N, C-alpha and C. Protein backbone atom coordinates (compact mmCIF):
# COMPACT_ATOMS: atom_id res chain seq x y z
N MET A 1 -114.47 164.72 226.63
CA MET A 1 -113.64 163.61 226.20
C MET A 1 -113.04 163.96 224.85
N ASP A 2 -111.77 163.79 224.70
CA ASP A 2 -111.10 164.15 223.46
C ASP A 2 -110.58 162.96 222.68
N LYS A 3 -110.98 161.76 223.07
CA LYS A 3 -110.52 160.55 222.37
C LYS A 3 -111.70 159.63 222.08
N THR A 4 -111.56 158.93 220.98
CA THR A 4 -112.54 157.90 220.65
C THR A 4 -111.77 156.71 220.08
N PHE A 5 -112.29 155.52 220.26
CA PHE A 5 -111.60 154.32 219.82
C PHE A 5 -112.52 153.46 218.97
N GLU A 6 -111.93 152.82 217.96
CA GLU A 6 -112.65 151.82 217.19
C GLU A 6 -112.73 150.59 218.09
N THR A 7 -113.92 150.04 218.29
CA THR A 7 -114.15 149.08 219.36
C THR A 7 -113.46 147.72 219.17
N PHE A 8 -113.31 147.24 217.96
CA PHE A 8 -112.66 145.96 217.76
C PHE A 8 -111.15 146.07 218.04
N THR A 9 -110.54 147.13 217.58
CA THR A 9 -109.12 147.37 217.85
C THR A 9 -108.90 147.56 219.35
N TRP A 10 -109.77 148.31 219.98
CA TRP A 10 -109.70 148.53 221.43
C TRP A 10 -109.81 147.19 222.17
N ALA A 11 -110.72 146.33 221.72
CA ALA A 11 -110.94 145.06 222.40
C ALA A 11 -109.71 144.16 222.34
N VAL A 12 -109.06 144.08 221.19
CA VAL A 12 -107.87 143.22 221.08
C VAL A 12 -106.73 143.80 221.91
N ALA A 13 -106.60 145.12 221.93
CA ALA A 13 -105.54 145.74 222.74
C ALA A 13 -105.77 145.47 224.22
N LEU A 14 -106.98 145.67 224.68
CA LEU A 14 -107.29 145.43 226.09
C LEU A 14 -107.21 143.94 226.43
N GLY A 15 -107.72 143.11 225.54
CA GLY A 15 -107.68 141.67 225.78
C GLY A 15 -106.29 141.11 225.85
N GLY A 16 -105.36 141.72 225.11
CA GLY A 16 -103.98 141.27 225.16
C GLY A 16 -103.25 141.68 226.42
N GLN A 17 -103.84 142.61 227.18
CA GLN A 17 -103.21 143.12 228.39
C GLN A 17 -103.85 142.58 229.68
N THR A 18 -104.93 141.82 229.51
CA THR A 18 -105.63 141.28 230.68
C THR A 18 -105.66 139.76 230.61
N GLN A 19 -106.01 139.14 231.74
CA GLN A 19 -106.05 137.67 231.76
C GLN A 19 -107.41 137.10 232.09
N TYR A 20 -108.28 137.88 232.74
CA TYR A 20 -109.53 137.30 233.22
C TYR A 20 -110.79 137.99 232.70
N SER A 21 -110.69 139.24 232.34
CA SER A 21 -111.87 140.00 231.95
C SER A 21 -112.31 139.67 230.53
N MET A 22 -113.62 139.64 230.35
CA MET A 22 -114.16 139.52 229.00
C MET A 22 -114.14 140.90 228.37
N VAL A 23 -113.79 140.97 227.09
CA VAL A 23 -113.82 142.24 226.37
C VAL A 23 -114.93 142.17 225.32
N VAL A 24 -115.63 143.29 225.16
CA VAL A 24 -116.78 143.33 224.27
C VAL A 24 -116.65 144.53 223.33
N ALA A 25 -116.84 144.30 222.06
CA ALA A 25 -116.84 145.36 221.06
C ALA A 25 -118.26 145.55 220.55
N THR A 26 -118.61 146.79 220.25
CA THR A 26 -119.92 147.09 219.68
C THR A 26 -119.78 147.24 218.18
N GLY A 27 -120.70 146.62 217.45
CA GLY A 27 -120.70 146.73 216.00
C GLY A 27 -122.09 147.05 215.49
N TYR A 28 -122.16 147.93 214.49
CA TYR A 28 -123.42 148.30 213.86
C TYR A 28 -123.66 147.41 212.65
N VAL A 29 -124.77 146.72 212.62
CA VAL A 29 -125.10 145.80 211.53
C VAL A 29 -124.99 146.50 210.18
N SER A 30 -125.54 147.69 210.08
CA SER A 30 -125.58 148.37 208.79
C SER A 30 -124.26 149.02 208.40
N ALA A 31 -123.29 149.07 209.29
CA ALA A 31 -122.02 149.72 208.99
C ALA A 31 -120.83 148.77 208.99
N LEU A 32 -121.01 147.55 209.44
CA LEU A 32 -119.90 146.61 209.58
C LEU A 32 -120.17 145.38 208.72
N HIS A 33 -119.31 145.16 207.75
CA HIS A 33 -119.50 144.01 206.86
C HIS A 33 -119.31 142.72 207.65
N PRO A 34 -120.19 141.74 207.49
CA PRO A 34 -120.11 140.52 208.28
C PRO A 34 -118.83 139.72 208.08
N ILE A 35 -118.24 139.75 206.89
CA ILE A 35 -116.98 139.02 206.68
C ILE A 35 -115.86 139.67 207.48
N VAL A 36 -115.81 140.99 207.46
CA VAL A 36 -114.80 141.72 208.24
C VAL A 36 -115.00 141.45 209.72
N ALA A 37 -116.24 141.53 210.18
CA ALA A 37 -116.54 141.31 211.59
C ALA A 37 -116.15 139.90 212.03
N ALA A 38 -116.43 138.90 211.21
CA ALA A 38 -116.09 137.52 211.55
C ALA A 38 -114.58 137.35 211.69
N LYS A 39 -113.84 137.91 210.77
CA LYS A 39 -112.38 137.81 210.81
C LYS A 39 -111.82 138.54 212.03
N GLN A 40 -112.33 139.74 212.31
CA GLN A 40 -111.87 140.49 213.48
C GLN A 40 -112.19 139.73 214.76
N ALA A 41 -113.40 139.21 214.84
CA ALA A 41 -113.83 138.51 216.06
C ALA A 41 -112.99 137.27 216.33
N VAL A 42 -112.68 136.51 215.29
CA VAL A 42 -111.88 135.31 215.48
C VAL A 42 -110.47 135.67 215.95
N THR A 43 -109.91 136.73 215.37
CA THR A 43 -108.58 137.18 215.78
C THR A 43 -108.59 137.60 217.25
N ILE A 44 -109.57 138.39 217.64
CA ILE A 44 -109.65 138.84 219.03
C ILE A 44 -109.89 137.66 219.96
N ASP A 45 -110.72 136.71 219.54
CA ASP A 45 -110.98 135.53 220.35
C ASP A 45 -109.70 134.73 220.59
N HIS A 46 -108.86 134.61 219.58
CA HIS A 46 -107.58 133.91 219.73
C HIS A 46 -106.67 134.66 220.70
N VAL A 47 -106.54 135.98 220.52
CA VAL A 47 -105.66 136.78 221.37
C VAL A 47 -106.11 136.74 222.83
N THR A 48 -107.42 136.75 223.05
CA THR A 48 -107.94 136.80 224.42
C THR A 48 -108.16 135.42 225.04
N GLY A 49 -107.94 134.38 224.28
CA GLY A 49 -108.18 133.04 224.81
C GLY A 49 -109.65 132.76 225.05
N GLY A 50 -110.49 133.28 224.18
CA GLY A 50 -111.93 133.01 224.28
C GLY A 50 -112.70 133.98 225.14
N ARG A 51 -112.14 135.14 225.43
CA ARG A 51 -112.82 136.12 226.29
C ARG A 51 -113.40 137.29 225.51
N PHE A 52 -113.89 137.05 224.31
CA PHE A 52 -114.40 138.13 223.48
C PHE A 52 -115.88 137.97 223.21
N GLY A 53 -116.58 139.09 223.22
CA GLY A 53 -118.01 139.11 222.89
C GLY A 53 -118.32 140.31 222.02
N VAL A 54 -119.44 140.24 221.30
CA VAL A 54 -119.87 141.33 220.43
C VAL A 54 -121.23 141.83 220.89
N ASN A 55 -121.34 143.14 221.02
CA ASN A 55 -122.61 143.82 221.26
C ASN A 55 -123.07 144.31 219.90
N LEU A 56 -124.00 143.61 219.31
CA LEU A 56 -124.47 143.93 217.97
C LEU A 56 -125.65 144.89 218.05
N VAL A 57 -125.56 146.00 217.32
CA VAL A 57 -126.57 147.04 217.36
C VAL A 57 -127.28 147.11 216.01
N ALA A 58 -128.62 147.06 216.05
CA ALA A 58 -129.40 147.14 214.82
C ALA A 58 -129.67 148.58 214.40
N SER A 59 -129.34 149.53 215.23
CA SER A 59 -129.41 150.96 214.96
C SER A 59 -130.83 151.52 215.00
N TRP A 60 -130.90 152.76 215.39
CA TRP A 60 -132.19 153.46 215.41
C TRP A 60 -132.03 154.96 215.22
N PHE A 61 -130.82 155.47 215.34
CA PHE A 61 -130.57 156.90 215.31
C PHE A 61 -130.23 157.32 213.88
N LYS A 62 -131.17 158.00 213.22
CA LYS A 62 -131.05 158.30 211.79
C LYS A 62 -129.76 159.05 211.44
N SER A 63 -129.42 160.09 212.18
CA SER A 63 -128.23 160.87 211.83
C SER A 63 -126.96 160.05 211.98
N GLU A 64 -126.97 159.09 212.90
CA GLU A 64 -125.81 158.22 213.06
C GLU A 64 -125.67 157.30 211.85
N MET A 65 -126.77 156.77 211.36
CA MET A 65 -126.73 155.92 210.18
C MET A 65 -126.28 156.71 208.96
N GLU A 66 -126.73 157.95 208.86
CA GLU A 66 -126.29 158.80 207.75
C GLU A 66 -124.79 159.03 207.82
N LEU A 67 -124.24 159.11 209.02
CA LEU A 67 -122.79 159.26 209.20
C LEU A 67 -122.05 158.08 208.56
N PHE A 68 -122.63 156.89 208.66
CA PHE A 68 -122.03 155.69 208.08
C PHE A 68 -122.41 155.51 206.61
N GLY A 69 -123.25 156.39 206.08
CA GLY A 69 -123.69 156.26 204.70
C GLY A 69 -124.72 155.17 204.51
N ALA A 70 -125.41 154.83 205.58
CA ALA A 70 -126.41 153.76 205.53
C ALA A 70 -127.81 154.33 205.70
N LYS A 71 -128.77 153.67 205.11
CA LYS A 71 -130.16 154.07 205.22
C LYS A 71 -130.74 153.45 206.51
N LEU A 72 -131.49 154.25 207.24
CA LEU A 72 -132.17 153.73 208.43
C LEU A 72 -133.42 152.98 207.99
N LEU A 73 -133.40 151.68 208.20
CA LEU A 73 -134.53 150.83 207.84
C LEU A 73 -135.62 150.91 208.90
N GLU A 74 -136.80 150.45 208.56
CA GLU A 74 -137.88 150.36 209.54
C GLU A 74 -137.52 149.32 210.60
N HIS A 75 -138.15 149.39 211.74
CA HIS A 75 -137.83 148.55 212.89
C HIS A 75 -137.73 147.06 212.54
N GLU A 76 -138.77 146.52 211.95
CA GLU A 76 -138.78 145.09 211.62
C GLU A 76 -137.69 144.74 210.60
N GLU A 77 -137.45 145.62 209.65
CA GLU A 77 -136.41 145.38 208.65
C GLU A 77 -135.02 145.38 209.29
N ARG A 78 -134.81 146.27 210.25
CA ARG A 78 -133.51 146.32 210.94
C ARG A 78 -133.22 145.02 211.67
N TYR A 79 -134.22 144.49 212.35
CA TYR A 79 -134.00 143.26 213.10
C TYR A 79 -133.92 142.03 212.20
N ALA A 80 -134.59 142.06 211.07
CA ALA A 80 -134.44 140.98 210.09
C ALA A 80 -133.02 141.02 209.49
N GLN A 81 -132.53 142.22 209.21
CA GLN A 81 -131.17 142.38 208.71
C GLN A 81 -130.16 141.89 209.75
N ALA A 82 -130.38 142.22 211.01
CA ALA A 82 -129.48 141.79 212.08
C ALA A 82 -129.48 140.26 212.21
N ALA A 83 -130.64 139.64 212.11
CA ALA A 83 -130.73 138.18 212.21
C ALA A 83 -129.96 137.52 211.07
N GLU A 84 -130.10 138.06 209.87
CA GLU A 84 -129.38 137.52 208.72
C GLU A 84 -127.87 137.72 208.89
N TRP A 85 -127.47 138.88 209.40
CA TRP A 85 -126.07 139.21 209.64
C TRP A 85 -125.46 138.20 210.62
N VAL A 86 -126.14 137.94 211.72
CA VAL A 86 -125.64 136.99 212.73
C VAL A 86 -125.54 135.59 212.13
N GLN A 87 -126.53 135.19 211.39
CA GLN A 87 -126.51 133.86 210.76
C GLN A 87 -125.30 133.73 209.84
N LEU A 88 -125.02 134.74 209.07
CA LEU A 88 -123.88 134.71 208.16
C LEU A 88 -122.56 134.65 208.92
N VAL A 89 -122.42 135.47 209.96
CA VAL A 89 -121.18 135.48 210.74
C VAL A 89 -120.96 134.13 211.42
N LYS A 90 -121.99 133.53 211.92
CA LYS A 90 -121.86 132.20 212.53
C LYS A 90 -121.37 131.17 211.51
N ARG A 91 -121.86 131.25 210.29
CA ARG A 91 -121.41 130.32 209.25
C ARG A 91 -119.97 130.54 208.87
N LEU A 92 -119.55 131.81 208.88
CA LEU A 92 -118.17 132.13 208.53
C LEU A 92 -117.23 131.61 209.59
């Protein structure tokens, strides 16, 4: 495969071209700021007429987290961070 796509941009592009399918973007808690994610999600939700979902990943692959410049937290810390992230996005 010689192409890769940023998932939120991909979701809005696909959602704007379809009428019935739900589109889902994957986001890494430790690499995606919750304010940015909330704004992107609301925009995609408007474009798709409510057919947008997020696959939120708490991460586990150390070299992938290093790619994002993030520290890989312990299991319980990652899920606590994810819970706080979701709570903040819901409030936004």
